[in-house]
Amino acid sequence: MTLAAFEAGALDPATFDHRAHVEVAIALLRETDFLDAAARYQRGIEKIAAKAGAPHKANVTITLAFLSLIAERLDGAGDVLAAHPELLEKTLLTRWYAHERLCSPLARRVLLLP
């Protein structure tokens, strides 16, 4: 999987699982600053969701909150996922967010704080 394929929306949504989401986020964060990575990541997620026929699944809050957690754990070297396996937990954000807030229509459009 390449960043170019992700950003073009050329990835198969059926194989773009949570681990792939995290790996792309790590690659983007290692390539550029947080705000650029966030914009590029959100656009890529929206393209993949649209390709899957589920544009409503794109969620700004989930995208940015996970991206922030990943960015906090990057130390520039080493295997981030080995050092921080919690990043592979799809439910990680429920440590801070109520499910209803995280999955609300507003959370899909704007970043909500916990």
PDB file of N, CA and C in Angstrom:
ATOM      1  N   MET A   1       0.849  -1.175   0.000  1.00  0.00           N
ATOM      2  CA  MET A   1       0.000   0.000   0.000  1.00  0.00           C
ATOM      3  C   MET A   1       0.893   1.235   0.000  1.00  0.00           C
ATOM      4  N   THR A   2       0.554   2.169  -0.845  1.00  0.00           N
ATOM      5  CA  THR A   2       1.323   3.403  -0.907  1.00  0.00           C
ATOM      6  C   THR A   2       0.447   4.581  -0.510  1.00  0.00           C
ATOM      7  N   LEU A   3       1.096   5.640  -0.077  1.00  0.00           N
ATOM      8  CA  LEU A   3       0.351   6.857   0.245  1.00  0.00           C
ATOM      9  C   LEU A   3      -0.340   7.409  -0.987  1.00  0.00           C
ATOM     10  N   ALA A   4       0.313   7.309  -2.140  1.00  0.00           N
ATOM     11  CA  ALA A   4      -0.285   7.811  -3.377  1.00  0.00           C
ATOM     12  C   ALA A   4      -1.595   7.078  -3.670  1.00  0.00           C
ATOM     13  N   ALA A   5      -1.594   5.766  -3.501  1.00  0.00           N
ATOM     14  CA  ALA A   5      -2.806   4.981  -3.744  1.00  0.00           C
ATOM     15  C   ALA A   5      -3.893   5.352  -2.742  1.00  0.00           C
ATOM     16  N   PHE A   6      -3.506   5.538  -1.478  1.00  0.00           N
ATOM     17  CA  PHE A   6      -4.466   5.952  -0.458  1.00  0.00           C
ATOM     18  C   PHE A   6      -5.082   7.301  -0.813  1.00  0.00           C
ATOM     19  N   GLU A   7      -4.227   8.265  -1.121  1.00  0.00           N
ATOM     20  CA  GLU A   7      -4.720   9.616  -1.389  1.00  0.00           C
ATOM     21  C   GLU A   7      -5.536   9.698  -2.663  1.00  0.00           C
ATOM     22  N   ALA A   8      -5.297   8.801  -3.600  1.00  0.00           N
ATOM     23  CA  ALA A   8      -6.066   8.776  -4.848  1.00  0.00           C
ATOM     24  C   ALA A   8      -7.385   8.030  -4.667  1.00  0.00           C
ATOM     25  N   GLY A   9      -7.557   7.393  -3.518  1.00  0.00           N
ATOM     26  CA  GLY A   9      -8.757   6.597  -3.299  1.00  0.00           C
ATOM     27  C   GLY A   9      -8.728   5.301  -4.075  1.00  0.00           C
ATOM     28  N   ALA A  10      -7.526   4.837  -4.430  1.00  0.00           N
ATOM     29  CA  ALA A  10      -7.375   3.654  -5.269  1.00  0.00           C
ATOM     30  C   ALA A  10      -7.304   2.349  -4.478  1.00  0.00           C
ATOM     31  N   LEU A  11      -7.358   2.423  -3.152  1.00  0.00           N
ATOM     32  CA  LEU A  11      -7.294   1.204  -2.351  1.00  0.00           C
ATOM     33  C   LEU A  11      -8.653   0.513  -2.334  1.00  0.00           C
ATOM     34  N   ASP A  12      -8.626  -0.785  -2.165  1.00  0.00           N
ATOM     35  CA  ASP A  12      -9.855  -1.569  -2.057  1.00  0.00           C
ATOM     36  C   ASP A  12     -10.420  -1.385  -0.654  1.00  0.00           C
ATOM     37  N   PRO A  13     -11.594  -0.803  -0.523  1.00  0.00           N
ATOM     38  CA  PRO A  13     -12.163  -0.589   0.810  1.00  0.00           C
ATOM     39  C   PRO A  13     -12.322  -1.881   1.611  1.00  0.00           C
ATOM     40  N   ALA A  14     -12.531  -2.988   0.939  1.00  0.00           N
ATOM     41  CA  ALA A  14     -12.723  -4.259   1.635  1.00  0.00           C
ATOM     42  C   ALA A  14     -11.456  -4.724   2.353  1.00  0.00           C
ATOM     43  N   THR A  15     -10.301  -4.288   1.886  1.00  0.00           N
ATOM     44  CA  THR A  15      -9.046  -4.707   2.518  1.00  0.00           C
ATOM     45  C   THR A  15      -8.421  -3.597   3.355  1.00  0.00           C
ATOM     46  N   PHE A  16      -9.061  -2.445   3.395  1.00  0.00           N
ATOM     47  CA  PHE A  16      -8.525  -1.320   4.163  1.00  0.00           C
ATOM     48  C   PHE A  16      -9.074  -1.382   5.585  1.00  0.00           C
ATOM     49  N   ASP A  17      -8.465  -2.263   6.379  1.00  0.00           N
ATOM     50  CA  ASP A  17      -8.924  -2.486   7.745  1.00  0.00           C
ATOM     51  C   ASP A  17      -8.318  -1.470   8.709  1.00  0.00           C
ATOM     52  N   HIS A  18      -8.600  -1.648  10.003  1.00  0.00           N
ATOM     53  CA  HIS A  18      -8.119  -0.689  10.997  1.00  0.00           C
ATOM     54  C   HIS A  18      -6.598  -0.600  11.007  1.00  0.00           C
ATOM     55  N   ARG A  19      -5.923  -1.738  10.922  1.00  0.00           N
ATOM     56  CA  ARG A  19      -4.458  -1.727  10.907  1.00  0.00           C
ATOM     57  C   ARG A  19      -3.942  -0.896   9.719  1.00  0.00           C
ATOM     58  N   ALA A  20      -4.561  -1.054   8.557  1.00  0.00           N
ATOM     59  CA  ALA A  20      -4.157  -0.281   7.381  1.00  0.00           C
ATOM     60  C   ALA A  20      -4.381   1.212   7.609  1.00  0.00           C
ATOM     61  N   HIS A  21      -5.491   1.558   8.258  1.00  0.00           N
ATOM     62  CA  HIS A  21      -5.746   2.962   8.604  1.00  0.00           C
ATOM     63  C   HIS A  21      -4.581   3.517   9.437  1.00  0.00           C
ATOM     64  N   VAL A  22      -4.195   2.766  10.460  1.00  0.00           N
ATOM     65  CA  VAL A  22      -3.143   3.216  11.373  1.00  0.00           C
ATOM     66  C   VAL A  22      -1.802   3.311  10.641  1.00  0.00           C
ATOM     67  N   GLU A  23      -1.504   2.331   9.807  1.00  0.00           N
ATOM     68  CA  GLU A  23      -0.233   2.340   9.069  1.00  0.00           C
ATOM     69  C   GLU A  23      -0.138   3.529   8.117  1.00  0.00           C
ATOM     70  N   VAL A  24      -1.232   3.861   7.457  1.00  0.00           N
ATOM     71  CA  VAL A  24      -1.240   5.036   6.577  1.00  0.00           C
ATOM     72  C   VAL A  24      -1.057   6.308   7.400  1.00  0.00           C
ATOM     73  N   ALA A  25      -1.716   6.376   8.531  1.00  0.00           N
ATOM     74  CA  ALA A  25      -1.571   7.550   9.396  1.00  0.00           C
ATOM     75  C   ALA A  25      -0.120   7.727   9.839  1.00  0.00           C
ATOM     76  N   ILE A  26       0.525   6.638  10.222  1.00  0.00           N
ATOM     77  CA  ILE A  26       1.930   6.698  10.634  1.00  0.00           C
ATOM     78  C   ILE A  26       2.788   7.209   9.480  1.00  0.00           C
ATOM     79  N   ALA A  27       2.559   6.669   8.302  1.00  0.00           N
ATOM     80  CA  ALA A  27       3.345   7.077   7.132  1.00  0.00           C
ATOM     81  C   ALA A  27       3.159   8.564   6.846  1.00  0.00           C
ATOM     82  N   LEU A  28       1.932   9.045   6.900  1.00  0.00           N
ATOM     83  CA  LEU A  28       1.677  10.469   6.652  1.00  0.00           C
ATOM     84  C   LEU A  28       2.341  11.347   7.713  1.00  0.00           C
ATOM     85  N   LEU A  29       2.212  10.949   8.969  1.00  0.00           N
ATOM     86  CA  LEU A  29       2.792  11.744  10.050  1.00  0.00           C
ATOM     87  C   LEU A  29       4.311  11.774   9.999  1.00  0.00           C
ATOM     88  N   ARG A  30       4.896  10.734   9.463  1.00  0.00           N
ATOM     89  CA  ARG A  30       6.350  10.711   9.325  1.00  0.00           C
ATOM     90  C   ARG A  30       6.809  11.541   8.124  1.00  0.00           C
ATOM     91  N   GLU A  31       5.906  11.770   7.196  1.00  0.00           N
ATOM     92  CA  GLU A  31       6.250  12.506   5.973  1.00  0.00           C
ATOM     93  C   GLU A  31       6.050  14.008   6.102  1.00  0.00           C
ATOM     94  N   THR A  32       5.089  14.410   6.920  1.00  0.00           N
ATOM     95  CA  THR A  32       4.713  15.828   6.945  1.00  0.00           C
ATOM     96  C   THR A  32       4.249  16.235   8.338  1.00  0.00           C
ATOM     97  N   ASP A  33       3.933  17.497   8.506  1.00  0.00           N
ATOM     98  CA  ASP A  33       3.472  17.988   9.802  1.00  0.00           C
ATOM     99  C   ASP A  33       2.030  17.540  10.059  1.00  0.00           C
ATOM    100  N   PHE A  34       1.600  17.704  11.299  1.00  0.00           N
ATOM    101  CA  PHE A  34       0.300  17.181  11.712  1.00  0.00           C
ATOM    102  C   PHE A  34      -0.860  17.748  10.901  1.00  0.00           C
ATOM    103  N   LEU A  35      -0.910  19.046  10.718  1.00  0.00           N
ATOM    104  CA  LEU A  35      -2.060  19.646  10.031  1.00  0.00           C
ATOM    105  C   LEU A  35      -2.147  19.209   8.573  1.00  0.00           C
ATOM    106  N   ASP A  36      -1.022  19.135   7.892  1.00  0.00           N
ATOM    107  CA  ASP A  36      -1.024  18.639   6.515  1.00  0.00           C
ATOM    108  C   ASP A  36      -1.445  17.175   6.485  1.00  0.00           C
ATOM    109  N   ALA A  37      -0.892  16.384   7.395  1.00  0.00           N
ATOM    110  CA  ALA A  37      -1.259  14.966   7.469  1.00  0.00           C
ATOM    111  C   ALA A  37      -2.757  14.811   7.735  1.00  0.00           C
ATOM    112  N   ALA A  38      -3.294  15.624   8.626  1.00  0.00           N
ATOM    113  CA  ALA A  38      -4.714  15.543   8.956  1.00  0.00           C
ATOM    114  C   ALA A  38      -5.592  15.822   7.744  1.00  0.00           C
ATOM    115  N   ALA A  39      -5.267  16.871   7.000  1.00  0.00           N
ATOM    116  CA  ALA A  39      -6.064  17.213   5.813  1.00  0.00           C
ATOM    117  C   ALA A  39      -5.974  16.104   4.770  1.00  0.00           C
ATOM    118  N   ARG A  40      -4.773  15.621   4.517  1.00  0.00           N
ATOM    119  CA  ARG A  40      -4.583  14.567   3.520  1.00  0.00           C
ATOM    120  C   ARG A  40      -5.262  13.265   3.959  1.00  0.00           C
ATOM    121  N   TYR A  41      -5.162  12.947   5.230  1.00  0.00           N
ATOM    122  CA  TYR A  41      -5.753  11.715   5.750  1.00  0.00           C
ATOM    123  C   TYR A  41      -7.279  11.766   5.664  1.00  0.00           C
ATOM    124  N   GLN A  42      -7.859  12.879   6.067  1.00  0.00           N
ATOM    125  CA  GLN A  42      -9.318  13.013   6.013  1.00  0.00           C
ATOM    126  C   GLN A  42      -9.823  12.890   4.574  1.00  0.00           C
ATOM    127  N   ARG A  43      -9.146  13.540   3.634  1.00  0.00           N
ATOM    128  CA  ARG A  43      -9.561  13.433   2.223  1.00  0.00           C
ATOM    129  C   ARG A  43      -9.465  11.986   1.735  1.00  0.00           C
ATOM    130  N   GLY A  44      -8.391  11.295   2.108  1.00  0.00           N
ATOM    131  CA  GLY A  44      -8.237   9.898   1.703  1.00  0.00           C
ATOM    132  C   GLY A  44      -9.324   9.011   2.284  1.00  0.00           C
ATOM    133  N   ILE A  45      -9.632   9.212   3.549  1.00  0.00           N
ATOM    134  CA  ILE A  45     -10.696   8.434   4.203  1.00  0.00           C
ATOM    135  C   ILE A  45     -12.036   8.689   3.505  1.00  0.00           C
ATOM    136  N   GLU A  46     -12.302   9.937   3.180  1.00  0.00           N
ATOM    137  CA  GLU A  46     -13.558  10.265   2.492  1.00  0.00           C
ATOM    138  C   GLU A  46     -13.636   9.583   1.132  1.00  0.00           C
ATOM    139  N   LYS A  47     -12.538   9.525   0.403  1.00  0.00           N
ATOM    140  CA  LYS A  47     -12.527   8.857  -0.907  1.00  0.00           C
ATOM    141  C   LYS A  47     -12.779   7.359  -0.771  1.00  0.00           C
ATOM    142  N   ILE A  48     -12.158   6.742   0.202  1.00  0.00           N
ATOM    143  CA  ILE A  48     -12.342   5.300   0.399  1.00  0.00           C
ATOM    144  C   ILE A  48     -13.769   5.003   0.848  1.00  0.00           C
ATOM    145  N   ALA A  49     -14.308   5.830   1.735  1.00  0.00           N
ATOM    146  CA  ALA A  49     -15.697   5.637   2.178  1.00  0.00           C
ATOM    147  C   ALA A  49     -16.657   5.789   1.003  1.00  0.00           C
ATOM    148  N   ALA A  50     -16.419   6.774   0.156  1.00  0.00           N
ATOM    149  CA  ALA A  50     -17.272   6.968  -1.024  1.00  0.00           C
ATOM    150  C   ALA A  50     -17.150   5.776  -1.973  1.00  0.00           C
ATOM    151  N   LYS A  51     -15.935   5.300  -2.176  1.00  0.00           N
ATOM    152  CA  LYS A  51     -15.710   4.148  -3.055  1.00  0.00           C
ATOM    153  C   LYS A  51     -16.435   2.908  -2.534  1.00  0.00           C
ATOM    154  N   ALA A  52     -16.530   2.808  -1.196  1.00  0.00           N
ATOM    155  CA  ALA A  52     -17.222   1.680  -0.570  1.00  0.00           C
ATOM    156  C   ALA A  52     -18.732   1.856  -0.604  1.00  0.00           C
ATOM    157  N   GLY A  53     -19.191   3.012  -1.122  1.00  0.00           N
ATOM    158  CA  GLY A  53     -20.626   3.279  -1.161  1.00  0.00           C
ATOM    159  C   GLY A  53     -21.171   3.702   0.194  1.00  0.00           C
ATOM    160  N   ALA A  54     -20.281   4.159   1.075  1.00  0.00           N
ATOM    161  CA  ALA A  54     -20.690   4.549   2.420  1.00  0.00           C
ATOM    162  C   ALA A  54     -20.053   5.879   2.826  1.00  0.00           C
ATOM    163  N   PRO A  55     -20.316   6.946   2.057  1.00  0.00           N
ATOM    164  CA  PRO A  55     -19.682   8.225   2.388  1.00  0.00           C
ATOM    165  C   PRO A  55     -20.041   8.723   3.786  1.00  0.00           C
ATOM    166  N   HIS A  56     -21.172   8.273   4.316  1.00  0.00           N
ATOM    167  CA  HIS A  56     -21.614   8.677   5.654  1.00  0.00           C
ATOM    168  C   HIS A  56     -20.720   8.104   6.761  1.00  0.00           C
ATOM    169  N   LYS A  57     -19.875   7.132   6.430  1.00  0.00           N
ATOM    170  CA  LYS A  57     -19.002   6.533   7.448  1.00  0.00           C
ATOM    171  C   LYS A  57     -17.781   7.391   7.776  1.00  0.00           C
ATOM    172  N   ALA A  58     -17.421   8.312   6.912  1.00  0.00           N
ATOM    173  CA  ALA A  58     -16.295   9.198   7.209  1.00  0.00           C
ATOM    174  C   ALA A  58     -16.657  10.037   8.433  1.00  0.00           C
ATOM    175  N   ASN A  59     -15.742  10.106   9.396  1.00  0.00           N
ATOM    176  CA  ASN A  59     -16.027  10.759  10.660  1.00  0.00           C
ATOM    177  C   ASN A  59     -14.814  11.606  11.051  1.00  0.00           C
ATOM    178  N   VAL A  60     -14.973  12.914  11.009  1.00  0.00           N
ATOM    179  CA  VAL A  60     -13.878  13.835  11.293  1.00  0.00           C
ATOM    180  C   VAL A  60     -13.344  13.634  12.712  1.00  0.00           C
ATOM    181  N   THR A  61     -14.228  13.443  13.678  1.00  0.00           N
ATOM    182  CA  THR A  61     -13.780  13.280  15.065  1.00  0.00           C
ATOM    183  C   THR A  61     -12.928  12.030  15.227  1.00  0.00           C
ATOM    184  N   ILE A  62     -13.395  10.906  14.711  1.00  0.00           N
ATOM    185  CA  ILE A  62     -12.627   9.663  14.816  1.00  0.00           C
ATOM    186  C   ILE A  62     -11.294   9.805  14.096  1.00  0.00           C
ATOM    187  N   THR A  63     -11.325  10.360  12.896  1.00  0.00           N
ATOM    188  CA  THR A  63     -10.103  10.517  12.107  1.00  0.00           C
ATOM    189  C   THR A  63      -9.078  11.365  12.839  1.00  0.00           C
ATOM    190  N   LEU A  64      -9.464  12.537  13.299  1.00  0.00           N
ATOM    191  CA  LEU A  64      -8.511  13.451  13.924  1.00  0.00           C
ATOM    192  C   LEU A  64      -8.089  12.999  15.317  1.00  0.00           C
ATOM    193  N   ALA A  65      -8.998  12.399  16.064  1.00  0.00           N
ATOM    194  CA  ALA A  65      -8.635  11.923  17.401  1.00  0.00           C
ATOM    195  C   ALA A  65      -7.626  10.777  17.296  1.00  0.00           C
ATOM    196  N   PHE A  66      -7.874   9.816  16.388  1.00  0.00           N
ATOM    197  CA  PHE A  66      -6.914   8.729  16.211  1.00  0.00           C
ATOM    198  C   PHE A  66      -5.584   9.266  15.690  1.00  0.00           C
ATOM    199  N   LEU A  67      -5.635  10.164  14.740  1.00  0.00           N
ATOM    200  CA  LEU A  67      -4.408  10.732  14.193  1.00  0.00           C
ATOM    201  C   LEU A  67      -3.598  11.419  15.295  1.00  0.00           C
ATOM    202  N   SER A  68      -4.268  12.110  16.178  1.00  0.00           N
ATOM    203  CA  SER A  68      -3.585  12.772  17.281  1.00  0.00           C
ATOM    204  C   SER A  68      -2.950  11.762  18.232  1.00  0.00           C
ATOM    205  N   LEU A  69      -3.668  10.701  18.549  1.00  0.00           N
ATOM    206  CA  LEU A  69      -3.098   9.661  19.420  1.00  0.00           C
ATOM    207  C   LEU A  69      -1.862   9.032  18.787  1.00  0.00           C
ATOM    208  N   ILE A  70      -1.920   8.803  17.498  1.00  0.00           N
ATOM    209  CA  ILE A  70      -0.776   8.220  16.790  1.00  0.00           C
ATOM    210  C   ILE A  70       0.388   9.197  16.809  1.00  0.00           C
ATOM    211  N   ALA A  71       0.120  10.465  16.525  1.00  0.00           N
ATOM    212  CA  ALA A  71       1.178  11.485  16.502  1.00  0.00           C
ATOM    213  C   ALA A  71       1.862  11.595  17.863  1.00  0.00           C
ATOM    214  N   GLU A  72       1.100  11.488  18.939  1.00  0.00           N
ATOM    215  CA  GLU A  72       1.672  11.555  20.281  1.00  0.00           C
ATOM    216  C   GLU A  72       2.666  10.423  20.528  1.00  0.00           C
ATOM    217  N   ARG A  73       2.433   9.293  19.885  1.00  0.00           N
ATOM    218  CA  ARG A  73       3.242   8.114  20.147  1.00  0.00           C
ATOM    219  C   ARG A  73       4.426   7.939  19.194  1.00  0.00           C
ATOM    220  N   LEU A  74       4.485   8.760  18.173  1.00  0.00           N
ATOM    221  CA  LEU A  74       5.614   8.672  17.250  1.00  0.00           C
ATOM    222  C   LEU A  74       6.851   9.238  17.923  1.00  0.00           C
ATOM    223  N   ASP A  75       7.907   8.517  17.864  1.00  0.00           N
ATOM    224  CA  ASP A  75       9.145   9.033  18.427  1.00  0.00           C
ATOM    225  C   ASP A  75      10.223   9.130  17.365  1.00  0.00           C
ATOM    226  N   GLY A  76       9.835   8.948  16.107  1.00  0.00           N
ATOM    227  CA  GLY A  76      10.773   9.074  15.000  1.00  0.00           C
ATOM    228  C   GLY A  76      11.543   7.820  14.677  1.00  0.00           C
ATOM    229  N   ALA A  77      11.495   6.837  15.540  1.00  0.00           N
ATOM    230  CA  ALA A  77      12.243   5.615  15.284  1.00  0.00           C
ATOM    231  C   ALA A  77      11.522   4.444  15.921  1.00  0.00           C
ATOM    232  N   GLY A  78      11.840   3.277  15.444  1.00  0.00           N
ATOM    233  CA  GLY A  78      11.277   2.075  16.035  1.00  0.00           C
ATOM    234  C   GLY A  78       9.915   1.720  15.500  1.00  0.00           C
ATOM    235  N   ASP A  79       9.436   0.612  15.976  1.00  0.00           N
ATOM    236  CA  ASP A  79       8.143   0.079  15.564  1.00  0.00           C
ATOM    237  C   ASP A  79       7.059   0.638  16.484  1.00  0.00           C
ATOM    238  N   VAL A  80       6.348   1.619  15.989  1.00  0.00           N
ATOM    239  CA  VAL A  80       5.322   2.299  16.780  1.00  0.00           C
ATOM    240  C   VAL A  80       4.247   1.323  17.232  1.00  0.00           C
ATOM    241  N   LEU A  81       3.830   0.426  16.354  1.00  0.00           N
ATOM    242  CA  LEU A  81       2.754  -0.501  16.709  1.00  0.00           C
ATOM    243  C   LEU A  81       3.197  -1.536  17.732  1.00  0.00           C
ATOM    244  N   ALA A  82       4.455  -1.923  17.701  1.00  0.00           N
ATOM    245  CA  ALA A  82       4.965  -2.850  18.721  1.00  0.00           C
ATOM    246  C   ALA A  82       5.042  -2.146  20.075  1.00  0.00           C
ATOM    247  N   ALA A  83       5.442  -0.895  20.059  1.00  0.00           N
ATOM    248  CA  ALA A  83       5.559  -0.130  21.302  1.00  0.00           C
ATOM    249  C   ALA A  83       4.209   0.319  21.847  1.00  0.00           C
ATOM    250  N   HIS A  84       3.234   0.476  20.951  1.00  0.00           N
ATOM    251  CA  HIS A  84       1.913   0.994  21.347  1.00  0.00           C
ATOM    252  C   HIS A  84       0.798   0.171  20.701  1.00  0.00           C
ATOM    253  N   PRO A  85       0.648  -1.084  21.109  1.00  0.00           N
ATOM    254  CA  PRO A  85      -0.362  -1.948  20.487  1.00  0.00           C
ATOM    255  C   PRO A  85      -1.795  -1.464  20.686  1.00  0.00           C
ATOM    256  N   GLU A  86      -2.005  -0.575  21.638  1.00  0.00           N
ATOM    257  CA  GLU A  86      -3.352  -0.037  21.845  1.00  0.00           C
ATOM    258  C   GLU A  86      -3.867   0.697  20.618  1.00  0.00           C
ATOM    259  N   LEU A  87      -2.967   1.165  19.766  1.00  0.00           N
ATOM    260  CA  LEU A  87      -3.391   1.857  18.549  1.00  0.00           C
ATOM    261  C   LEU A  87      -4.147   0.936  17.601  1.00  0.00           C
ATOM    262  N   LEU A  88      -4.002  -0.366  17.793  1.00  0.00           N
ATOM    263  CA  LEU A  88      -4.709  -1.322  16.939  1.00  0.00           C
ATOM    264  C   LEU A  88      -6.086  -1.692  17.489  1.00  0.00           C
ATOM    265  N   GLU A  89      -6.449  -1.095  18.615  1.00  0.00           N
ATOM    266  CA  GLU A  89      -7.784  -1.319  19.182  1.00  0.00           C
ATOM    267  C   GLU A  89      -8.778  -0.363  18.525  1.00  0.00           C
ATOM    268  N   LYS A  90      -9.731  -0.899  17.794  1.00  0.00           N
ATOM    269  CA  LYS A  90     -10.720  -0.033  17.141  1.00  0.00           C
ATOM    270  C   LYS A  90     -11.522   0.780  18.149  1.00  0.00           C
ATOM    271  N   THR A  91     -11.644   0.259  19.358  1.00  0.00           N
ATOM    272  CA  THR A  91     -12.454   0.931  20.382  1.00  0.00           C
ATOM    273  C   THR A  91     -11.628   1.844  21.284  1.00  0.00           C
ATOM    274  N   LEU A  92     -10.395   2.122  20.925  1.00  0.00           N
ATOM    275  CA  LEU A  92      -9.511   2.929  21.758  1.00  0.00           C
ATOM    276  C   LEU A  92     -10.135   4.267  22.164  1.00  0.00           C
ATOM    277  N   LEU A  93     -10.814   4.916  21.265  1.00  0.00           N
ATOM    278  CA  LEU A  93     -11.365   6.244  21.560  1.00  0.00           C
ATOM    279  C   LEU A  93     -12.472   6.217  22.611  1.00  0.00           C
ATOM    280  N   THR A  94     -13.051   5.054  22.850  1.00  0.00           N
ATOM    281  CA  THR A  94     -14.113   4.987  23.858  1.00  0.00           C
ATOM    282  C   THR A  94     -13.550   5.143  25.277  1.00  0.00           C
ATOM    283  N   ARG A  95     -12.241   5.203  25.408  1.00  0.00           N
ATOM    284  CA  ARG A  95     -11.638   5.534  26.714  1.00  0.00           C
ATOM    285  C   ARG A  95     -11.938   6.987  27.073  1.00  0.00           C
ATOM    286  N   TRP A  96     -12.170   7.810  26.056  1.00  0.00           N
ATOM    287  CA  TRP A  96     -12.388   9.247  26.276  1.00  0.00           C
ATOM    288  C   TRP A  96     -13.757   9.727  25.795  1.00  0.00           C
ATOM    289  N   TYR A  97     -14.324   9.032  24.841  1.00  0.00           N
ATOM    290  CA  TYR A  97     -15.585   9.467  24.228  1.00  0.00           C
ATOM    291  C   TYR A  97     -16.714   8.495  24.544  1.00  0.00           C
ATOM    292  N   ALA A  98     -17.896   9.033  24.789  1.00  0.00           N
ATOM    293  CA  ALA A  98     -19.095   8.216  24.840  1.00  0.00           C
ATOM    294  C   ALA A  98     -19.415   7.803  23.402  1.00  0.00           C
ATOM    295  N   HIS A  99     -19.891   6.599  23.226  1.00  0.00           N
ATOM    296  CA  HIS A  99     -20.201   6.089  21.891  1.00  0.00           C
ATOM    297  C   HIS A  99     -21.161   7.020  21.149  1.00  0.00           C
ATOM    298  N   GLU A 100     -22.175   7.505  21.841  1.00  0.00           N
ATOM    299  CA  GLU A 100     -23.176   8.362  21.210  1.00  0.00           C
ATOM    300  C   GLU A 100     -22.551   9.651  20.685  1.00  0.00           C
ATOM    301  N   ARG A 101     -21.623  10.219  21.431  1.00  0.00           N
ATOM    302  CA  ARG A 101     -20.972  11.458  20.999  1.00  0.00           C
ATOM    303  C   ARG A 101     -20.059  11.186  19.809  1.00  0.00           C
ATOM    304  N   LEU A 102     -19.304  10.117  19.894  1.00  0.00           N
ATOM    305  CA  LEU A 102     -18.341   9.774  18.858  1.00  0.00           C
ATOM    306  C   LEU A 102     -19.018   9.455  17.526  1.00  0.00           C
ATOM    307  N   CYS A 103     -20.191   8.900  17.584  1.00  0.00           N
ATOM    308  CA  CYS A 103     -20.880   8.476  16.358  1.00  0.00           C
ATOM    309  C   CYS A 103     -22.009   9.419  15.947  1.00  0.00           C
ATOM    310  N   SER A 104     -22.066  10.571  16.553  1.00  0.00           N
ATOM    311  CA  SER A 104     -23.141  11.515  16.242  1.00  0.00           C
ATOM    312  C   SER A 104     -22.940  12.142  14.865  1.00  0.00           C
ATOM    313  N   PRO A 105     -24.018  12.645  14.278  1.00  0.00           N
ATOM    314  CA  PRO A 105     -23.888  13.348  12.997  1.00  0.00           C
ATOM    315  C   PRO A 105     -22.918  14.532  13.067  1.00  0.00           C
ATOM    316  N   LEU A 106     -22.904  15.237  14.194  1.00  0.00           N
ATOM    317  CA  LEU A 106     -21.994  16.366  14.329  1.00  0.00           C
ATOM    318  C   LEU A 106     -20.537  15.888  14.339  1.00  0.00           C
ATOM    319  N   ALA A 107     -20.254  14.765  15.001  1.00  0.00           N
ATOM    320  CA  ALA A 107     -18.889  14.215  15.050  1.00  0.00           C
ATOM    321  C   ALA A 107     -18.388  13.826  13.661  1.00  0.00           C
ATOM    322  N   ARG A 108     -19.300  13.511  12.785  1.00  0.00           N
ATOM    323  CA  ARG A 108     -18.907  13.155  11.414  1.00  0.00           C
ATOM    324  C   ARG A 108     -18.428  14.382  10.628  1.00  0.00           C
ATOM    325  N   ARG A 109     -18.904  15.566  11.038  1.00  0.00           N
ATOM    326  CA  ARG A 109     -18.595  16.790  10.286  1.00  0.00           C
ATOM    327  C   ARG A 109     -17.500  17.652  10.893  1.00  0.00           C
ATOM    328  N   VAL A 110     -17.394  17.656  12.240  1.00  0.00           N
ATOM    329  CA  VAL A 110     -16.416  18.514  12.928  1.00  0.00           C
ATOM    330  C   VAL A 110     -15.742  17.732  14.055  1.00  0.00           C
ATOM    331  N   LEU A 111     -14.586  18.209  14.457  1.00  0.00           N
ATOM    332  CA  LEU A 111     -13.886  17.583  15.567  1.00  0.00           C
ATOM    333  C   LEU A 111     -14.579  17.941  16.859  1.00  0.00           C
ATOM    334  N   LEU A 112     -15.054  16.926  17.565  1.00  0.00           N
ATOM    335  CA  LEU A 112     -15.637  17.125  18.892  1.00  0.00           C
ATOM    336  C   LEU A 112     -14.596  16.704  19.922  1.00  0.00           C
ATOM    337  N   LEU A 113     -14.485  17.474  20.971  1.00  0.00           N
ATOM    338  CA  LEU A 113     -13.625  17.087  22.084  1.00  0.00           C
ATOM    339  C   LEU A 113     -14.423  16.146  22.988  1.00  0.00           C
ATOM    340  N   PRO A 114     -13.722  15.296  23.718  1.00  0.00           N
ATOM    341  CA  PRO A 114     -14.455  14.343  24.595  1.00  0.00           C
ATOM    342  C   PRO A 114     -15.265  15.022  25.613  1.00  0.00           C
TER     343      PRO A 114
END
